[in-house]
Amino acid sequence: MGLAAAGWSHYGILNAIVGFMDEDTDFPPGDGPSSGISVTLTAGTLHAIRERVGKRGVSAYLEKAAQRQIERENLDELIAGFEEVHGPADPEAVAAKRARLTGGAPGAGAAA
């Protein structure tokens, strides 16, 4: 027997579901309900985004950009924690492994 058949209205079901998803609920980046907020961007930045995605794609573009930034910050924190325990990585070893992974000479594929 479904909830509606048990006497629950659609409104009551929705309120019960939303009641479990308050602002204290933790969702990983990219998950959970959408929340509308106001964001201020410079005219040039907004113009560049709209050129890439159009007027209707700005929110999705900003969502993806925020997710990438969070991933980068999480990675920075992970590296900092590793270096705190093990010390900094040996630059020569990193260059050699990068060359092995990219199939090129040391320094190939290094980000500027």
PDB file of N, CA and C in Angstrom:
ATOM      1  N   MET A   1       0.849  -1.170   0.000  1.00  0.00           N
ATOM      2  CA  MET A   1       0.000   0.000   0.000  1.00  0.00           C
ATOM      3  C   MET A   1       0.891   1.228   0.000  1.00  0.00           C
ATOM      4  N   GLY A   2       0.648   2.169  -0.893  1.00  0.00           N
ATOM      5  CA  GLY A   2       1.433   3.390  -0.986  1.00  0.00           C
ATOM      6  C   GLY A   2       1.025   4.402   0.070  1.00  0.00           C
ATOM      7  N   LEU A   3       1.840   5.430   0.222  1.00  0.00           N
ATOM      8  CA  LEU A   3       1.561   6.469   1.213  1.00  0.00           C
ATOM      9  C   LEU A   3       0.266   7.204   0.912  1.00  0.00           C
ATOM     10  N   ALA A   4       0.010   7.478  -0.371  1.00  0.00           N
ATOM     11  CA  ALA A   4      -1.224   8.181  -0.732  1.00  0.00           C
ATOM     12  C   ALA A   4      -2.440   7.334  -0.371  1.00  0.00           C
ATOM     13  N   ALA A   5      -2.344   6.027  -0.595  1.00  0.00           N
ATOM     14  CA  ALA A   5      -3.452   5.137  -0.258  1.00  0.00           C
ATOM     15  C   ALA A   5      -3.646   5.041   1.249  1.00  0.00           C
ATOM     16  N   ALA A   6      -2.586   5.303   2.015  1.00  0.00           N
ATOM     17  CA  ALA A   6      -2.668   5.251   3.477  1.00  0.00           C
ATOM     18  C   ALA A   6      -3.199   6.554   4.064  1.00  0.00           C
ATOM     19  N   GLY A   7      -3.594   7.493   3.209  1.00  0.00           N
ATOM     20  CA  GLY A   7      -4.174   8.730   3.691  1.00  0.00           C
ATOM     21  C   GLY A   7      -3.232   9.921   3.665  1.00  0.00           C
ATOM     22  N   TRP A   8      -2.018   9.745   3.182  1.00  0.00           N
ATOM     23  CA  TRP A   8      -1.064  10.857   3.075  1.00  0.00           C
ATOM     24  C   TRP A   8      -1.378  11.643   1.807  1.00  0.00           C
ATOM     25  N   SER A   9      -1.453  12.947   1.924  1.00  0.00           N
ATOM     26  CA  SER A   9      -1.623  13.786   0.737  1.00  0.00           C
ATOM     27  C   SER A   9      -0.256  14.011   0.103  1.00  0.00           C
ATOM     28  N   HIS A  10      -0.257  14.442  -1.146  1.00  0.00           N
ATOM     29  CA  HIS A  10       1.015  14.778  -1.797  1.00  0.00           C
ATOM     30  C   HIS A  10       1.734  15.867  -1.015  1.00  0.00           C
ATOM     31  N   TYR A  11       0.978  16.824  -0.500  1.00  0.00           N
ATOM     32  CA  TYR A  11       1.558  17.910   0.285  1.00  0.00           C
ATOM     33  C   TYR A  11       2.201  17.360   1.559  1.00  0.00           C
ATOM     34  N   GLY A  12       1.522  16.449   2.230  1.00  0.00           N
ATOM     35  CA  GLY A  12       2.056  15.853   3.454  1.00  0.00           C
ATOM     36  C   GLY A  12       3.306  15.035   3.188  1.00  0.00           C
ATOM     37  N   ILE A  13       3.313  14.300   2.085  1.00  0.00           N
ATOM     38  CA  ILE A  13       4.490  13.509   1.710  1.00  0.00           C
ATOM     39  C   ILE A  13       5.661  14.435   1.431  1.00  0.00           C
ATOM     40  N   LEU A  14       5.406  15.504   0.667  1.00  0.00           N
ATOM     41  CA  LEU A  14       6.468  16.453   0.343  1.00  0.00           C
ATOM     42  C   LEU A  14       7.022  17.104   1.605  1.00  0.00           C
ATOM     43  N   ASN A  15       6.161  17.521   2.509  1.00  0.00           N
ATOM     44  CA  ASN A  15       6.626  18.126   3.759  1.00  0.00           C
ATOM     45  C   ASN A  15       7.442  17.144   4.582  1.00  0.00           C
ATOM     46  N   ALA A  16       7.055  15.877   4.594  1.00  0.00           N
ATOM     47  CA  ALA A  16       7.810  14.872   5.338  1.00  0.00           C
ATOM     48  C   ALA A  16       9.196  14.691   4.735  1.00  0.00           C
ATOM     49  N   ILE A  17       9.271  14.678   3.408  1.00  0.00           N
ATOM     50  CA  ILE A  17      10.563  14.525   2.735  1.00  0.00           C
ATOM     51  C   ILE A  17      11.428  15.750   2.977  1.00  0.00           C
ATOM     52  N   VAL A  18      10.883  16.930   2.765  1.00  0.00           N
ATOM     53  CA  VAL A  18      11.642  18.167   2.924  1.00  0.00           C
ATOM     54  C   VAL A  18      12.064  18.352   4.373  1.00  0.00           C
ATOM     55  N   GLY A  19      11.270  17.877   5.311  1.00  0.00           N
ATOM     56  CA  GLY A  19      11.620  17.977   6.718  1.00  0.00           C
ATOM     57  C   GLY A  19      12.923  17.279   7.045  1.00  0.00           C
ATOM     58  N   PHE A  20      13.259  16.248   6.290  1.00  0.00           N
ATOM     59  CA  PHE A  20      14.514  15.536   6.511  1.00  0.00           C
ATOM     60  C   PHE A  20      15.690  16.246   5.870  1.00  0.00           C
ATOM     61  N   MET A  21      15.442  17.198   4.984  1.00  0.00           N
ATOM     62  CA  MET A  21      16.513  17.874   4.256  1.00  0.00           C
ATOM     63  C   MET A  21      16.601  19.327   4.685  1.00  0.00           C
ATOM     64  N   ASP A  22      16.993  19.567   5.923  1.00  0.00           N
ATOM     65  CA  ASP A  22      17.137  20.945   6.370  1.00  0.00           C
ATOM     66  C   ASP A  22      18.525  21.460   6.005  1.00  0.00           C
ATOM     67  N   GLU A  23      18.824  22.679   6.398  1.00  0.00           N
ATOM     68  CA  GLU A  23      20.100  23.291   6.025  1.00  0.00           C
ATOM     69  C   GLU A  23      21.296  22.604   6.670  1.00  0.00           C
ATOM     70  N   ASP A  24      21.067  21.812   7.727  1.00  0.00           N
ATOM     71  CA  ASP A  24      22.166  21.126   8.388  1.00  0.00           C
ATOM     72  C   ASP A  24      22.515  19.805   7.718  1.00  0.00           C
ATOM     73  N   THR A  25      21.719  19.375   6.737  1.00  0.00           N
ATOM     74  CA  THR A  25      21.994  18.133   6.041  1.00  0.00           C
ATOM     75  C   THR A  25      23.220  18.315   5.163  1.00  0.00           C
ATOM     76  N   ASP A  26      24.154  17.388   5.285  1.00  0.00           N
ATOM     77  CA  ASP A  26      25.372  17.457   4.474  1.00  0.00           C
ATOM     78  C   ASP A  26      25.188  16.668   3.189  1.00  0.00           C
ATOM     79  N   PHE A  27      25.439  17.317   2.073  1.00  0.00           N
ATOM     80  CA  PHE A  27      25.440  16.677   0.769  1.00  0.00           C
ATOM     81  C   PHE A  27      26.813  16.897   0.160  1.00  0.00           C
ATOM     82  N   PRO A  28      27.350  15.908  -0.539  1.00  0.00           N
ATOM     83  CA  PRO A  28      28.614  16.154  -1.237  1.00  0.00           C
ATOM     84  C   PRO A  28      28.385  17.112  -2.399  1.00  0.00           C
ATOM     85  N   PRO A  29      29.426  17.788  -2.867  1.00  0.00           N
ATOM     86  CA  PRO A  29      29.271  18.699  -4.007  1.00  0.00           C
ATOM     87  C   PRO A  29      28.588  18.000  -5.180  1.00  0.00           C
ATOM     88  N   GLY A  30      27.596  18.664  -5.744  1.00  0.00           N
ATOM     89  CA  GLY A  30      26.876  18.123  -6.887  1.00  0.00           C
ATOM     90  C   GLY A  30      25.621  17.352  -6.516  1.00  0.00           C
ATOM     91  N   ASP A  31      25.390  17.080  -5.217  1.00  0.00           N
ATOM     92  CA  ASP A  31      24.219  16.327  -4.782  1.00  0.00           C
ATOM     93  C   ASP A  31      23.290  17.212  -3.962  1.00  0.00           C
ATOM     94  N   GLY A  32      22.068  16.754  -3.780  1.00  0.00           N
ATOM     95  CA  GLY A  32      21.103  17.465  -2.956  1.00  0.00           C
ATOM     96  C   GLY A  32      20.221  18.378  -3.782  1.00  0.00           C
ATOM     97  N   PRO A  33      19.250  18.981  -3.117  1.00  0.00           N
ATOM     98  CA  PRO A  33      18.338  19.879  -3.831  1.00  0.00           C
ATOM     99  C   PRO A  33      19.045  21.173  -4.219  1.00  0.00           C
ATOM    100  N   SER A  34      18.513  21.839  -5.213  1.00  0.00           N
ATOM    101  CA  SER A  34      19.064  23.129  -5.635  1.00  0.00           C
ATOM    102  C   SER A  34      18.572  24.225  -4.705  1.00  0.00           C
ATOM    103  N   SER A  35      19.412  25.207  -4.490  1.00  0.00           N
ATOM    104  CA  SER A  35      19.045  26.373  -3.688  1.00  0.00           C
ATOM    105  C   SER A  35      19.381  27.620  -4.483  1.00  0.00           C
ATOM    106  N   GLY A  36      18.440  28.529  -4.576  1.00  0.00           N
ATOM    107  CA  GLY A  36      18.686  29.782  -5.284  1.00  0.00           C
ATOM    108  C   GLY A  36      19.398  30.773  -4.382  1.00  0.00           C
ATOM    109  N   ILE A  37      20.437  31.394  -4.905  1.00  0.00           N
ATOM    110  CA  ILE A  37      21.158  32.437  -4.185  1.00  0.00           C
ATOM    111  C   ILE A  37      21.448  33.572  -5.148  1.00  0.00           C
ATOM    112  N   SER A  38      21.882  34.686  -4.623  1.00  0.00           N
ATOM    113  CA  SER A  38      22.293  35.812  -5.453  1.00  0.00           C
ATOM    114  C   SER A  38      23.812  35.813  -5.522  1.00  0.00           C
ATOM    115  N   VAL A  39      24.348  35.922  -6.719  1.00  0.00           N
ATOM    116  CA  VAL A  39      25.794  35.947  -6.927  1.00  0.00           C
ATOM    117  C   VAL A  39      26.136  37.202  -7.710  1.00  0.00           C
ATOM    118  N   THR A  40      27.173  37.896  -7.292  1.00  0.00           N
ATOM    119  CA  THR A  40      27.616  39.096  -7.991  1.00  0.00           C
ATOM    120  C   THR A  40      28.871  38.770  -8.785  1.00  0.00           C
ATOM    121  N   LEU A  41      28.838  39.055 -10.080  1.00  0.00           N
ATOM    122  CA  LEU A  41      29.976  38.840 -10.971  1.00  0.00           C
ATOM    123  C   LEU A  41      30.283  40.141 -11.691  1.00  0.00           C
ATOM    124  N   THR A  42      31.524  40.311 -12.080  1.00  0.00           N
ATOM    125  CA  THR A  42      31.848  41.467 -12.908  1.00  0.00           C
ATOM    126  C   THR A  42      31.206  41.271 -14.277  1.00  0.00           C
ATOM    127  N   ALA A  43      30.961  42.368 -14.960  1.00  0.00           N
ATOM    128  CA  ALA A  43      30.310  42.309 -16.275  1.00  0.00           C
ATOM    129  C   ALA A  43      31.120  41.467 -17.249  1.00  0.00           C
ATOM    130  N   GLY A  44      32.440  41.604 -17.206  1.00  0.00           N
ATOM    131  CA  GLY A  44      33.289  40.844 -18.125  1.00  0.00           C
ATOM    132  C   GLY A  44      33.214  39.349 -17.888  1.00  0.00           C
ATOM    133  N   THR A  45      33.197  38.944 -16.613  1.00  0.00           N
ATOM    134  CA  THR A  45      33.106  37.518 -16.289  1.00  0.00           C
ATOM    135  C   THR A  45      31.765  36.958 -16.729  1.00  0.00           C
ATOM    136  N   LEU A  46      30.683  37.664 -16.426  1.00  0.00           N
ATOM    137  CA  LEU A  46      29.358  37.207 -16.823  1.00  0.00           C
ATOM    138  C   LEU A  46      29.245  37.119 -18.340  1.00  0.00           C
ATOM    139  N   HIS A  47      29.787  38.095 -19.044  1.00  0.00           N
ATOM    140  CA  HIS A  47      29.756  38.085 -20.512  1.00  0.00           C
ATOM    141  C   HIS A  47      30.501  36.861 -21.052  1.00  0.00           C
ATOM    142  N   ALA A  48      31.670  36.571 -20.488  1.00  0.00           N
ATOM    143  CA  ALA A  48      32.458  35.422 -20.949  1.00  0.00           C
ATOM    144  C   ALA A  48      31.711  34.110 -20.707  1.00  0.00           C
ATOM    145  N   ILE A  49      31.049  33.992 -19.564  1.00  0.00           N
ATOM    146  CA  ILE A  49      30.283  32.776 -19.267  1.00  0.00           C
ATOM    147  C   ILE A  49      29.122  32.641 -20.241  1.00  0.00           C
ATOM    148  N   ARG A  50      28.383  33.731 -20.450  1.00  0.00           N
ATOM    149  CA  ARG A  50      27.228  33.673 -21.357  1.00  0.00           C
ATOM    150  C   ARG A  50      27.644  33.374 -22.788  1.00  0.00           C
ATOM    151  N   GLU A  51      28.810  33.835 -23.209  1.00  0.00           N
ATOM    152  CA  GLU A  51      29.298  33.497 -24.552  1.00  0.00           C
ATOM    153  C   GLU A  51      29.528  31.998 -24.688  1.00  0.00           C
ATOM    154  N   ARG A  52      29.935  31.361 -23.606  1.00  0.00           N
ATOM    155  CA  ARG A  52      30.211  29.931 -23.647  1.00  0.00           C
ATOM    156  C   ARG A  52      28.942  29.087 -23.534  1.00  0.00           C
ATOM    157  N   VAL A  53      28.011  29.504 -22.670  1.00  0.00           N
ATOM    158  CA  VAL A  53      26.882  28.629 -22.355  1.00  0.00           C
ATOM    159  C   VAL A  53      25.514  29.237 -22.627  1.00  0.00           C
ATOM    160  N   GLY A  54      25.440  30.491 -23.009  1.00  0.00           N
ATOM    161  CA  GLY A  54      24.157  31.153 -23.214  1.00  0.00           C
ATOM    162  C   GLY A  54      23.560  31.604 -21.890  1.00  0.00           C
ATOM    163  N   LYS A  55      22.450  32.329 -21.975  1.00  0.00           N
ATOM    164  CA  LYS A  55      21.818  32.873 -20.765  1.00  0.00           C
ATOM    165  C   LYS A  55      21.285  31.777 -19.848  1.00  0.00           C
ATOM    166  N   ARG A  56      20.813  30.673 -20.419  1.00  0.00           N
ATOM    167  CA  ARG A  56      20.165  29.628 -19.625  1.00  0.00           C
ATOM    168  C   ARG A  56      21.161  28.659 -18.990  1.00  0.00           C
ATOM    169  N   GLY A  57      22.448  28.774 -19.313  1.00  0.00           N
ATOM    170  CA  GLY A  57      23.420  27.819 -18.788  1.00  0.00           C
ATOM    171  C   GLY A  57      24.325  28.358 -17.705  1.00  0.00           C
ATOM    172  N   VAL A  58      24.086  29.584 -17.256  1.00  0.00           N
ATOM    173  CA  VAL A  58      24.984  30.226 -16.289  1.00  0.00           C
ATOM    174  C   VAL A  58      25.010  29.467 -14.967  1.00  0.00           C
ATOM    175  N   SER A  59      23.867  29.090 -14.432  1.00  0.00           N
ATOM    176  CA  SER A  59      23.830  28.390 -13.142  1.00  0.00           C
ATOM    177  C   SER A  59      24.582  27.068 -13.202  1.00  0.00           C
ATOM    178  N   ALA A  60      24.354  26.292 -14.252  1.00  0.00           N
ATOM    179  CA  ALA A  60      25.046  25.005 -14.389  1.00  0.00           C
ATOM    180  C   ALA A  60      26.548  25.216 -14.522  1.00  0.00           C
ATOM    181  N   TYR A  61      26.948  26.247 -15.258  1.00  0.00           N
ATOM    182  CA  TYR A  61      28.366  26.552 -15.429  1.00  0.00           C
ATOM    183  C   TYR A  61      29.000  26.897 -14.084  1.00  0.00           C
ATOM    184  N   LEU A  62      28.336  27.760 -13.312  1.00  0.00           N
ATOM    185  CA  LEU A  62      28.860  28.150 -12.004  1.00  0.00           C
ATOM    186  C   LEU A  62      28.876  26.971 -11.041  1.00  0.00           C
ATOM    187  N   GLU A  63      27.876  26.091 -11.115  1.00  0.00           N
ATOM    188  CA  GLU A  63      27.850  24.879 -10.280  1.00  0.00           C
ATOM    189  C   GLU A  63      29.076  24.018 -10.558  1.00  0.00           C
ATOM    190  N   LYS A  64      29.360  23.777 -11.841  1.00  0.00           N
ATOM    191  CA  LYS A  64      30.525  22.957 -12.205  1.00  0.00           C
ATOM    192  C   LYS A  64      31.827  23.634 -11.788  1.00  0.00           C
ATOM    193  N   ALA A  65      31.918  24.942 -11.966  1.00  0.00           N
ATOM    194  CA  ALA A  65      33.127  25.674 -11.572  1.00  0.00           C
ATOM    195  C   ALA A  65      33.340  25.584 -10.065  1.00  0.00           C
ATOM    196  N   ALA A  66      32.267  25.707  -9.301  1.00  0.00           N
ATOM    197  CA  ALA A  66      32.375  25.604  -7.841  1.00  0.00           C
ATOM    198  C   ALA A  66      32.788  24.195  -7.436  1.00  0.00           C
ATOM    199  N   GLN A  67      32.235  23.176  -8.096  1.00  0.00           N
ATOM    200  CA  GLN A  67      32.623  21.796  -7.796  1.00  0.00           C
ATOM    201  C   GLN A  67      34.111  21.575  -8.061  1.00  0.00           C
ATOM    202  N   ARG A  68      34.603  22.080  -9.196  1.00  0.00           N
ATOM    203  CA  ARG A  68      36.036  21.929  -9.511  1.00  0.00           C
ATOM    204  C   ARG A  68      36.898  22.627  -8.468  1.00  0.00           C
ATOM    205  N   GLN A  69      36.493  23.815  -8.039  1.00  0.00           N
ATOM    206  CA  GLN A  69      37.261  24.548  -7.034  1.00  0.00           C
ATOM    207  C   GLN A  69      37.291  23.786  -5.711  1.00  0.00           C
ATOM    208  N   ILE A  70      36.149  23.230  -5.313  1.00  0.00           N
ATOM    209  CA  ILE A  70      36.095  22.442  -4.079  1.00  0.00           C
ATOM    210  C   ILE A  70      37.004  21.224  -4.195  1.00  0.00           C
ATOM    211  N   GLU A  71      36.989  20.545  -5.352  1.00  0.00           N
ATOM    212  CA  GLU A  71      37.872  19.392  -5.561  1.00  0.00           C
ATOM    213  C   GLU A  71      39.334  19.800  -5.435  1.00  0.00           C
ATOM    214  N   ARG A  72      39.699  20.934  -6.015  1.00  0.00           N
ATOM    215  CA  ARG A  72      41.087  21.413  -5.927  1.00  0.00           C
ATOM    216  C   ARG A  72      41.477  21.721  -4.487  1.00  0.00           C
ATOM    217  N   GLU A  73      40.583  22.385  -3.755  1.00  0.00           N
ATOM    218  CA  GLU A  73      40.882  22.711  -2.361  1.00  0.00           C
ATOM    219  C   GLU A  73      40.988  21.449  -1.513  1.00  0.00           C
ATOM    220  N   ASN A  74      40.114  20.458  -1.774  1.00  0.00           N
ATOM    221  CA  ASN A  74      40.207  19.189  -1.055  1.00  0.00           C
ATOM    222  C   ASN A  74      41.529  18.492  -1.347  1.00  0.00           C
ATOM    223  N   LEU A  75      41.958  18.526  -2.605  1.00  0.00           N
ATOM    224  CA  LEU A  75      43.238  17.926  -2.973  1.00  0.00           C
ATOM    225  C   LEU A  75      44.396  18.661  -2.308  1.00  0.00           C
ATOM    226  N   ASP A  76      44.346  19.992  -2.282  1.00  0.00           N
ATOM    227  CA  ASP A  76      45.384  20.772  -1.591  1.00  0.00           C
ATOM    228  C   ASP A  76      45.467  20.388  -0.117  1.00  0.00           C
ATOM    229  N   GLU A  77      44.306  20.209   0.529  1.00  0.00           N
ATOM    230  CA  GLU A  77      44.282  19.814   1.937  1.00  0.00           C
ATOM    231  C   GLU A  77      44.856  18.413   2.123  1.00  0.00           C
ATOM    232  N   LEU A  78      44.549  17.510   1.210  1.00  0.00           N
ATOM    233  CA  LEU A  78      45.072  16.149   1.269  1.00  0.00           C
ATOM    234  C   LEU A  78      46.590  16.149   1.124  1.00  0.00           C
ATOM    235  N   ILE A  79      47.095  16.919   0.165  1.00  0.00           N
ATOM    236  CA  ILE A  79      48.544  17.013  -0.044  1.00  0.00           C
ATOM    237  C   ILE A  79      49.217  17.633   1.171  1.00  0.00           C
ATOM    238  N   ALA A  80      48.632  18.692   1.721  1.00  0.00           N
ATOM    239  CA  ALA A  80      49.209  19.341   2.902  1.00  0.00           C
ATOM    240  C   ALA A  80      49.272  18.368   4.074  1.00  0.00           C
ATOM    241  N   GLY A  81      48.230  17.581   4.268  1.00  0.00           N
ATOM    242  CA  GLY A  81      48.226  16.581   5.335  1.00  0.00           C
ATOM    243  C   GLY A  81      49.286  15.518   5.123  1.00  0.00           C
ATOM    244  N   PHE A  82      49.438  15.073   3.873  1.00  0.00           N
ATOM    245  CA  PHE A  82      50.465  14.081   3.553  1.00  0.00           C
ATOM    246  C   PHE A  82      51.853  14.648   3.823  1.00  0.00           C
ATOM    247  N   GLU A  83      52.092  15.888   3.367  1.00  0.00           N
ATOM    248  CA  GLU A  83      53.405  16.503   3.553  1.00  0.00           C
ATOM    249  C   GLU A  83      53.701  16.771   5.024  1.00  0.00           C
ATOM    250  N   GLU A  84      52.664  17.025   5.802  1.00  0.00           N
ATOM    251  CA  GLU A  84      52.859  17.241   7.239  1.00  0.00           C
ATOM    252  C   GLU A  84      53.390  15.968   7.902  1.00  0.00           C
ATOM    253  N   VAL A  85      52.928  14.818   7.428  1.00  0.00           N
ATOM    254  CA  VAL A  85      53.354  13.538   7.997  1.00  0.00           C
ATOM    255  C   VAL A  85      54.655  13.047   7.368  1.00  0.00           C
ATOM    256  N   HIS A  86      54.784  13.162   6.047  1.00  0.00           N
ATOM    257  CA  HIS A  86      55.887  12.539   5.317  1.00  0.00           C
ATOM    258  C   HIS A  86      56.919  13.517   4.775  1.00  0.00           C
ATOM    259  N   GLY A  87      56.672  14.796   4.905  1.00  0.00           N
ATOM    260  CA  GLY A  87      57.567  15.787   4.325  1.00  0.00           C
ATOM    261  C   GLY A  87      57.202  16.040   2.875  1.00  0.00           C
ATOM    262  N   PRO A  88      57.791  17.089   2.296  1.00  0.00           N
ATOM    263  CA  PRO A  88      57.458  17.425   0.904  1.00  0.00           C
ATOM    264  C   PRO A  88      57.966  16.362  -0.068  1.00  0.00           C
ATOM    265  N   ALA A  89      57.269  16.264  -1.189  1.00  0.00           N
ATOM    266  CA  ALA A  89      57.672  15.318  -2.228  1.00  0.00           C
ATOM    267  C   ALA A  89      58.976  15.775  -2.862  1.00  0.00           C
ATOM    268  N   ASP A  90      59.786  14.803  -3.269  1.00  0.00           N
ATOM    269  CA  ASP A  90      61.054  15.087  -3.942  1.00  0.00           C
ATOM    270  C   ASP A  90      60.747  15.550  -5.367  1.00  0.00           C
ATOM    271  N   PRO A  91      61.118  16.791  -5.731  1.00  0.00           N
ATOM    272  CA  PRO A  91      60.789  17.310  -7.070  1.00  0.00           C
ATOM    273  C   PRO A  91      61.333  16.444  -8.203  1.00  0.00           C
ATOM    274  N   GLU A  92      62.521  15.870  -8.037  1.00  0.00           N
ATOM    275  CA  GLU A  92      63.087  15.016  -9.093  1.00  0.00           C
ATOM    276  C   GLU A  92      62.270  13.739  -9.255  1.00  0.00           C
ATOM    277  N   ALA A  93      61.835  13.161  -8.141  1.00  0.00           N
ATOM    278  CA  ALA A  93      61.014  11.951  -8.210  1.00  0.00           C
ATOM    279  C   ALA A  93      59.664  12.260  -8.861  1.00  0.00           C
ATOM    280  N   VAL A  94      59.093  13.407  -8.531  1.00  0.00           N
ATOM    281  CA  VAL A  94      57.819  13.808  -9.136  1.00  0.00           C
ATOM    282  C   VAL A  94      57.991  13.989 -10.639  1.00  0.00           C
ATOM    283  N   ALA A  95      59.068  14.662 -11.059  1.00  0.00           N
ATOM    284  CA  ALA A  95      59.324  14.883 -12.490  1.00  0.00           C
ATOM    285  C   ALA A  95      59.516  13.557 -13.216  1.00  0.00           C
ATOM    286  N   ALA A  96      60.234  12.627 -12.602  1.00  0.00           N
ATOM    287  CA  ALA A  96      60.464  11.326 -13.233  1.00  0.00           C
ATOM    288  C   ALA A  96      59.149  10.554 -13.377  1.00  0.00           C
ATOM    289  N   LYS A  97      58.317  10.588 -12.353  1.00  0.00           N
ATOM    290  CA  LYS A  97      57.026   9.884 -12.425  1.00  0.00           C
ATOM    291  C   LYS A  97      56.090  10.554 -13.424  1.00  0.00           C
ATOM    292  N   ARG A  98      56.129  11.887 -13.495  1.00  0.00           N
ATOM    293  CA  ARG A  98      55.308  12.593 -14.477  1.00  0.00           C
ATOM    294  C   ARG A  98      55.733  12.191 -15.888  1.00  0.00           C
ATOM    295  N   ALA A  99      57.042  12.123 -16.119  1.00  0.00           N
ATOM    296  CA  ALA A  99      57.554  11.733 -17.435  1.00  0.00           C
ATOM    297  C   ALA A  99      57.118  10.311 -17.774  1.00  0.00           C
ATOM    298  N   ARG A 100      57.162   9.442 -16.791  1.00  0.00           N
ATOM    299  CA  ARG A 100      56.747   8.057 -17.022  1.00  0.00           C
ATOM    300  C   ARG A 100      55.258   7.983 -17.365  1.00  0.00           C
ATOM    301  N   LEU A 101      54.442   8.759 -16.660  1.00  0.00           N
ATOM    302  CA  LEU A 101      53.001   8.747 -16.905  1.00  0.00           C
ATOM    303  C   LEU A 101      52.626   9.391 -18.234  1.00  0.00           C
ATOM    304  N   THR A 102      53.347  10.446 -18.618  1.00  0.00           N
ATOM    305  CA  THR A 102      53.009  11.163 -19.849  1.00  0.00           C
ATOM    306  C   THR A 102      53.776  10.651 -21.055  1.00  0.00           C
ATOM    307  N   GLY A 103      54.741   9.770 -20.815  1.00  0.00           N
ATOM    308  CA  GLY A 103      55.517   9.213 -21.918  1.00  0.00           C
ATOM    309  C   GLY A 103      56.490  10.198 -22.527  1.00  0.00           C
ATOM    310  N   GLY A 104      56.798  11.255 -21.801  1.00  0.00           N
ATOM    311  CA  GLY A 104      57.706  12.266 -22.327  1.00  0.00           C
ATOM    312  C   GLY A 104      58.895  12.468 -21.429  1.00  0.00           C
ATOM    313  N   ALA A 105      59.653  13.454 -21.771  1.00  0.00           N
ATOM    314  CA  ALA A 105      60.826  13.813 -20.981  1.00  0.00           C
ATOM    315  C   ALA A 105      60.374  14.457 -19.681  1.00  0.00           C
ATOM    316  N   PRO A 106      61.245  14.450 -18.660  1.00  0.00           N
ATOM    317  CA  PRO A 106      60.879  15.141 -17.420  1.00  0.00           C
ATOM    318  C   PRO A 106      60.440  16.574 -17.717  1.00  0.00           C
ATOM    319  N   GLY A 107      59.351  16.973 -17.093  1.00  0.00           N
ATOM    320  CA  GLY A 107      58.796  18.307 -17.335  1.00  0.00           C
ATOM    321  C   GLY A 107      57.642  18.282 -18.322  1.00  0.00           C
ATOM    322  N   ALA A 108      57.492  17.189 -19.091  1.00  0.00           N
ATOM    323  CA  ALA A 108      56.386  17.089 -20.043  1.00  0.00           C
ATOM    324  C   ALA A 108      55.075  16.976 -19.281  1.00  0.00           C
ATOM    325  N   GLY A 109      54.105  17.724 -19.691  1.00  0.00           N
ATOM    326  CA  GLY A 109      52.791  17.665 -19.065  1.00  0.00           C
ATOM    327  C   GLY A 109      52.687  18.472 -17.794  1.00  0.00           C
ATOM    328  N   ALA A 110      53.758  19.149 -17.411  1.00  0.00           N
ATOM    329  CA  ALA A 110      53.712  19.956 -16.191  1.00  0.00           C
ATOM    330  C   ALA A 110      52.843  21.174 -16.425  1.00  0.00           C
ATOM    331  N   ALA A 111      52.001  21.465 -15.469  1.00  0.00           N
ATOM    332  CA  ALA A 111      51.143  22.650 -15.569  1.00  0.00           C
ATOM    333  C   ALA A 111      51.944  23.889 -15.246  1.00  0.00           C
ATOM    334  N   ALA A 112      51.655  24.963 -15.957  1.00  0.00           N
ATOM    335  CA  ALA A 112      52.368  26.222 -15.718  1.00  0.00           C
ATOM    336  C   ALA A 112      51.793  26.936 -14.539  1.00  0.00           C
TER     337      ALA A 112
END
